[in-house]
Amino acid sequence: MDYLASTGVLIGIYVILATSYNLIIGYGGLNTIAHPIFFALGAYAAALLAIGTGLPAVLCIAAGVGVAAAASAALAVTTLRISGDYLLIASLGFQLGLLQLVNNLDFTGGPAGLSNIPMTLGGPGRGWWYLLMTVAIAVLVIWLVHRAMAGPFGRAVRAMRDDEVACAALGRGLFTMKVVIFAFGCGAAGLAGGLYAYYFQYISPEQFNVAQSATILTMVVLGGLGTVWGPVIGAFVLVALPQAITFLQLPSSLVGPLQGLIFTTLVIVFLFLRPHGLVGTRMAGAEH
């Protein structure tokens, strides 16, 4: 039963990640793949504060959100005036650079990572209480993104995504909109990082590498870019499926390659048969 609770918590965390990333790439059309680094910043900031100060978990996680949002603003100010492949390369460089920094600093634990993160919600039912909390936070993030994108601001964001020149001609502040959605999306990734650190009580740089970028991107594309429920479904499928493979009791040397093969096959199949995702439409965001 604890295994099911842990799987549910992981799904909830990835729902937050995929939903917040969808805000940036699906609604905003900003081609960045650096989302895992903000996941990492939230996790490390919350963990280091918890270990070093013993502050309540809420304050530590809130600090992680703030660190992730501040870092995203720093990246946004320097890179969001470019677009397309240049933004993609810049975000990748930012991610790899920070990961190298985390990997080589003593206080972050280096390659060995951080352990002994204080436990929250102790007791025999810890997993299920944490699951309820994670689901509630994931629902809140989904609702906030939906409300923001259903209103005038959301329509302006989608107009910017579809045609920046026409949107700017209407007097919209494109740079401000980009910074706002980038900061919100990356702050939510920091929130997911704080939840992850407190639940699993161990983090390391390899958990936030480029493979993580591919996983989160696949979740959003599989479910449907620019949709409310697409990232939710994509996160559920791509987290639950590998967990289901473990029940086959295959050798550990086969599990990793098999999971990679399944992910690759899913992406190729959907590119040809359902390029707009499971719940996508031809005009992403049309449901609004």
Protein backbone atom coordinates (compact mmCIF):
# COMPACT_ATOMS: atom_id res chain seq x y z
CA MET A 1 0.00 0.00 0.00
CA ASP A 2 2.90 2.37 0.72
CA TYR A 3 4.16 1.64 -2.80
CA LEU A 4 0.83 2.77 -4.27
CA ALA A 5 0.89 5.93 -2.15
CA SER A 6 4.45 6.71 -3.29
CA THR A 7 3.46 6.19 -6.91
CA GLY A 8 0.48 8.49 -6.42
CA VAL A 9 2.70 11.18 -4.86
CA LEU A 10 5.12 10.91 -7.80
CA ILE A 11 2.23 11.24 -10.27
CA GLY A 12 0.98 14.33 -8.41
CA ILE A 13 4.44 15.92 -8.50
CA TYR A 14 4.77 15.27 -12.23
CA VAL A 15 1.27 16.66 -12.84
CA ILE A 16 2.49 19.92 -11.27
CA LEU A 17 5.64 19.83 -13.41
CA ALA A 18 3.83 19.01 -16.66
CA THR A 19 1.04 21.55 -16.05
CA SER A 20 3.49 24.35 -15.25
CA TYR A 21 5.68 23.44 -18.23
CA ASN A 22 2.62 23.39 -20.47
CA LEU A 23 1.93 26.99 -19.41
CA ILE A 24 5.34 27.97 -20.74
CA ILE A 25 5.66 25.89 -23.91
CA GLY A 26 2.04 25.03 -24.73
CA TYR A 27 0.25 28.30 -24.02
CA GLY A 28 3.17 30.71 -24.23
CA GLY A 29 5.05 29.03 -27.07
CA LEU A 30 8.41 29.57 -25.33
CA ASN A 31 10.80 26.86 -26.50
CA THR A 32 12.74 26.12 -23.34
CA ILE A 33 13.73 22.75 -21.93
CA ALA A 34 15.26 23.99 -18.66
CA HIS A 35 12.24 23.14 -16.50
CA PRO A 36 14.03 20.44 -14.45
CA ILE A 37 16.62 22.94 -13.18
CA PHE A 38 13.86 24.92 -11.45
CA PHE A 39 12.54 21.63 -10.10
CA ALA A 40 16.06 21.09 -8.75
CA LEU A 41 16.39 24.61 -7.33
CA GLY A 42 13.14 24.23 -5.40
CA ALA A 43 14.22 20.84 -4.08
CA TYR A 44 17.73 21.91 -3.05
CA ALA A 45 16.63 25.22 -1.51
CA ALA A 46 13.93 23.53 0.58
CA ALA A 47 16.24 20.66 1.60
CA LEU A 48 19.19 22.87 2.56
CA LEU A 49 16.96 25.15 4.65
CA ALA A 50 15.32 22.18 6.34
CA ILE A 51 18.67 20.58 7.18
CA GLY A 52 20.46 23.78 8.18
CA THR A 53 17.76 25.72 10.01
CA GLY A 54 14.99 23.33 10.99
CA LEU A 55 12.36 25.79 9.77
CA PRO A 56 8.82 24.47 9.18
CA ALA A 57 8.32 22.63 5.89
CA VAL A 58 5.88 25.25 4.60
CA LEU A 59 8.48 28.02 4.91
CA CYS A 60 11.24 25.90 3.37
CA ILE A 61 9.09 24.93 0.38
CA ALA A 62 7.96 28.55 -0.03
CA ALA A 63 11.63 29.58 -0.09
CA GLY A 64 12.24 26.95 -2.77
CA VAL A 65 9.43 28.45 -4.85
CA GLY A 66 10.98 31.90 -4.41
CA VAL A 67 14.45 30.71 -5.44
CA ALA A 68 13.08 28.98 -8.55
CA ALA A 69 10.99 32.03 -9.52
CA ALA A 70 13.93 34.39 -8.97
CA ALA A 71 16.25 32.20 -11.05
CA SER A 72 13.64 32.03 -13.80
CA ALA A 73 13.39 35.84 -13.80
CA ALA A 74 17.17 36.05 -14.18
CA LEU A 75 17.04 33.67 -17.13
CA ALA A 76 14.00 35.43 -18.61
CA VAL A 77 15.55 38.89 -18.56
CA THR A 78 18.61 37.67 -20.43
CA THR A 79 17.07 35.21 -22.90
CA LEU A 80 13.39 35.91 -23.59
CA ARG A 81 14.17 38.64 -26.11
CA ILE A 82 15.32 35.84 -28.39
CA SER A 83 13.14 32.97 -29.58
CA GLY A 84 13.07 29.68 -31.40
CA ASP A 85 16.24 27.59 -31.47
CA TYR A 86 18.28 30.33 -29.78
CA LEU A 87 16.05 30.24 -26.69
CA LEU A 88 16.22 26.45 -26.68
CA ILE A 89 20.03 26.50 -26.73
CA ALA A 90 20.22 29.23 -24.08
CA SER A 91 17.89 27.36 -21.72
CA LEU A 92 19.85 24.13 -22.22
CA GLY A 93 23.10 25.93 -21.42
CA PHE A 94 21.53 27.44 -18.29
CA GLN A 95 20.39 24.01 -17.12
CA LEU A 96 23.69 22.26 -17.77
CA GLY A 97 25.68 25.09 -16.18
CA LEU A 98 23.68 25.10 -12.96
CA LEU A 99 23.74 21.31 -12.75
CA GLN A 100 27.53 21.39 -12.99
CA LEU A 101 27.59 23.99 -10.24
CA VAL A 102 25.36 21.87 -7.98
CA ASN A 103 27.47 18.82 -8.82
CA ASN A 104 30.68 20.50 -7.66
CA LEU A 105 29.63 22.38 -4.52
CA ASP A 106 30.30 20.82 -1.16
CA PHE A 107 27.26 22.21 0.63
CA THR A 108 24.91 20.68 -1.93
CA GLY A 109 26.43 17.25 -1.37
CA GLY A 110 28.07 17.16 -4.80
CA PRO A 111 27.39 14.06 -6.92
CA ALA A 112 26.32 12.12 -3.82
CA GLY A 113 23.39 14.47 -3.27
CA LEU A 114 21.60 15.39 -0.06
CA SER A 115 20.12 12.91 2.37
CA ASN A 116 18.72 13.08 5.90
CA ILE A 117 16.14 15.64 4.85
CA PRO A 118 13.74 16.00 7.80
CA MET A 119 10.56 13.96 7.59
CA THR A 120 7.15 15.59 7.55
CA LEU A 121 3.80 13.96 8.20
CA GLY A 122 5.34 11.02 10.05
CA GLY A 123 3.49 7.91 11.11
CA PRO A 124 2.13 4.78 9.46
CA GLY A 125 -0.22 6.72 7.18
CA ARG A 126 2.43 9.21 6.05
CA GLY A 127 2.27 8.21 2.38
CA TRP A 128 -1.48 8.58 2.13
CA TRP A 129 -1.57 11.93 3.94
CA TYR A 130 1.21 13.19 1.69
CA LEU A 131 -0.70 11.91 -1.32
CA LEU A 132 -3.80 13.87 -0.32
CA MET A 133 -1.72 17.02 0.14
CA THR A 134 0.09 16.56 -3.19
CA VAL A 135 -3.17 15.96 -5.06
CA ALA A 136 -4.70 19.08 -3.48
CA ILE A 137 -1.70 21.20 -4.53
CA ALA A 138 -1.74 19.71 -8.05
CA VAL A 139 -5.45 20.53 -8.39
CA LEU A 140 -4.74 24.09 -7.22
CA VAL A 141 -1.99 24.52 -9.82
CA ILE A 142 -4.24 23.14 -12.58
CA TRP A 143 -7.04 25.50 -11.51
CA LEU A 144 -4.75 28.54 -11.40
CA VAL A 145 -3.37 27.84 -14.87
CA HIS A 146 -6.88 27.24 -16.21
CA ARG A 147 -8.25 30.46 -14.69
CA ALA A 148 -5.32 32.51 -15.96
CA MET A 149 -5.55 31.13 -19.49
CA ALA A 150 -9.37 31.34 -19.66
CA GLY A 151 -9.38 35.12 -19.15
CA PRO A 152 -8.13 38.14 -21.13
CA PHE A 153 -4.53 37.52 -20.08
CA GLY A 154 -4.71 33.97 -21.42
CA ARG A 155 -6.12 35.14 -24.74
CA ALA A 156 -3.28 37.65 -25.01
CA VAL A 157 -0.73 34.92 -24.24
CA ARG A 158 -2.12 32.65 -26.95
CA ALA A 159 -2.19 35.55 -29.39
CA MET A 160 1.48 36.18 -28.59
CA ARG A 161 2.24 32.51 -29.18
CA ASP A 162 0.46 32.46 -32.54
CA ASP A 163 1.78 35.78 -33.90
CA GLU A 164 4.10 37.98 -31.86
CA VAL A 165 4.19 40.77 -34.45
CA ALA A 166 0.41 41.11 -34.62
CA CYS A 167 0.13 40.94 -30.84
CA ALA A 168 2.74 43.64 -30.38
CA ALA A 169 0.93 45.82 -32.93
CA LEU A 170 -2.11 45.72 -30.63
CA GLY A 171 -0.04 47.32 -27.88
CA ARG A 172 0.56 44.22 -25.77
CA GLY A 173 3.69 44.06 -23.63
CA LEU A 174 5.11 40.80 -24.95
CA PHE A 175 8.21 40.76 -22.78
CA THR A 176 6.22 41.32 -19.59
CA MET A 177 3.80 38.50 -20.47
CA LYS A 178 6.71 36.16 -21.17
CA VAL A 179 8.37 36.94 -17.83
CA VAL A 180 5.08 36.48 -15.93
CA ILE A 181 4.23 33.06 -17.35
CA PHE A 182 7.86 31.96 -17.13
CA ALA A 183 8.13 32.97 -13.46
CA PHE A 184 4.80 31.34 -12.57
CA GLY A 185 5.61 28.11 -14.40
CA CYS A 186 9.12 27.85 -12.95
CA GLY A 187 7.90 28.79 -9.47
CA ALA A 188 5.43 25.90 -9.68
CA ALA A 189 8.33 23.63 -10.69
CA GLY A 190 10.13 24.80 -7.54
CA LEU A 191 7.04 23.89 -5.53
CA ALA A 192 7.13 20.39 -7.03
CA GLY A 193 10.82 20.19 -6.10
CA GLY A 194 10.12 21.06 -2.47
CA LEU A 195 7.40 18.42 -2.26
CA TYR A 196 9.70 15.86 -3.85
CA ALA A 197 12.57 16.58 -1.45
CA TYR A 198 10.44 16.34 1.67
CA TYR A 199 8.70 13.15 0.63
CA PHE A 200 11.61 11.10 -0.72
CA GLN A 201 14.16 12.68 1.67
CA TYR A 202 16.99 12.35 -0.86
CA ILE A 203 17.96 14.39 -3.91
CA SER A 204 20.95 14.29 -6.27
CA PRO A 205 21.95 16.15 -9.47
CA GLU A 206 21.29 13.14 -11.72
CA GLN A 207 17.56 13.35 -10.86
CA PHE A 208 17.30 16.68 -12.69
CA ASN A 209 19.31 16.07 -15.87
CA VAL A 210 18.41 16.43 -19.55
CA ALA A 211 16.60 13.07 -19.48
CA GLN A 212 14.19 14.69 -17.04
CA SER A 213 13.61 17.44 -19.60
CA ALA A 214 12.69 14.82 -22.20
CA THR A 215 10.32 13.11 -19.77
CA ILE A 216 8.40 16.28 -18.89
CA LEU A 217 8.27 17.36 -22.54
CA THR A 218 6.94 13.94 -23.55
CA MET A 219 4.21 14.19 -20.90
CA VAL A 220 2.99 17.50 -22.31
CA VAL A 221 3.21 16.45 -25.97
CA LEU A 222 1.57 13.08 -25.30
CA GLY A 223 -1.35 14.66 -23.46
CA GLY A 224 -1.77 17.71 -25.68
CA LEU A 225 0.01 21.07 -25.82
CA GLY A 226 -2.03 24.05 -24.65
CA THR A 227 -4.76 22.00 -22.98
CA VAL A 228 -5.89 21.77 -19.37
CA TRP A 229 -6.05 17.99 -18.97
CA GLY A 230 -3.41 16.92 -21.47
CA PRO A 231 -0.43 17.29 -19.10
CA VAL A 232 -2.40 15.53 -16.36
CA ILE A 233 -3.07 12.50 -18.55
CA GLY A 234 0.47 12.54 -19.95
CA ALA A 235 1.97 12.59 -16.45
CA PHE A 236 -0.26 9.76 -15.30
CA VAL A 237 0.59 7.57 -18.29
CA LEU A 238 4.34 8.17 -18.22
CA VAL A 239 4.66 7.65 -14.46
CA ALA A 240 2.22 4.76 -14.06
CA LEU A 241 3.51 2.81 -17.09
CA PRO A 242 7.11 2.35 -15.85
CA GLN A 243 5.77 1.42 -12.42
CA ALA A 244 3.58 -1.22 -14.05
CA ILE A 245 6.64 -2.63 -15.83
CA THR A 246 8.26 -3.38 -12.46
CA PHE A 247 5.51 -5.92 -11.77
CA LEU A 248 6.82 -8.00 -14.69
CA GLN A 249 9.85 -8.81 -12.52
CA LEU A 250 12.29 -8.34 -15.39
CA PRO A 251 16.04 -8.11 -14.78
CA SER A 252 17.10 -4.61 -13.76
CA SER A 253 19.37 -4.44 -16.81
CA LEU A 254 16.29 -4.64 -19.06
CA VAL A 255 13.92 -2.31 -17.21
CA GLY A 256 15.68 0.95 -18.15
CA PRO A 257 16.07 0.19 -21.87
CA LEU A 258 12.50 -1.12 -22.04
CA GLN A 259 11.13 2.07 -20.49
CA GLY A 260 13.16 4.16 -22.94
CA LEU A 261 11.89 2.05 -25.84
CA ILE A 262 8.28 2.49 -24.72
CA PHE A 263 8.67 6.27 -24.34
CA THR A 264 10.27 6.58 -27.77
CA THR A 265 7.59 4.41 -29.38
CA LEU A 266 4.81 6.45 -27.78
CA VAL A 267 6.27 9.72 -29.07
CA ILE A 268 6.70 8.35 -32.63
CA VAL A 269 3.21 6.82 -32.68
CA PHE A 270 1.58 10.02 -31.47
CA LEU A 271 3.56 12.17 -33.90
CA PHE A 272 2.01 10.21 -36.76
CA LEU A 273 -1.40 9.19 -35.46
CA ARG A 274 -2.28 11.90 -32.95
CA PRO A 275 0.11 14.84 -33.35
CA HIS A 276 -2.06 17.08 -31.16
CA GLY A 277 -1.97 14.71 -28.21
CA LEU A 278 -4.60 12.64 -26.46
CA VAL A 279 -6.87 15.59 -25.67
CA GLY A 280 -5.36 18.19 -28.01
CA THR A 281 -7.10 20.07 -30.77
CA ARG A 282 -5.76 21.52 -33.95
CA MET A 283 -5.71 24.95 -32.32
CA ALA A 284 -4.07 24.41 -28.94
CA GLY A 285 -6.01 26.24 -26.30
CA ALA A 286 -9.18 26.28 -28.39
CA GLU A 287 -11.19 24.90 -25.52
CA HIS A 288 -10.93 28.31 -23.92
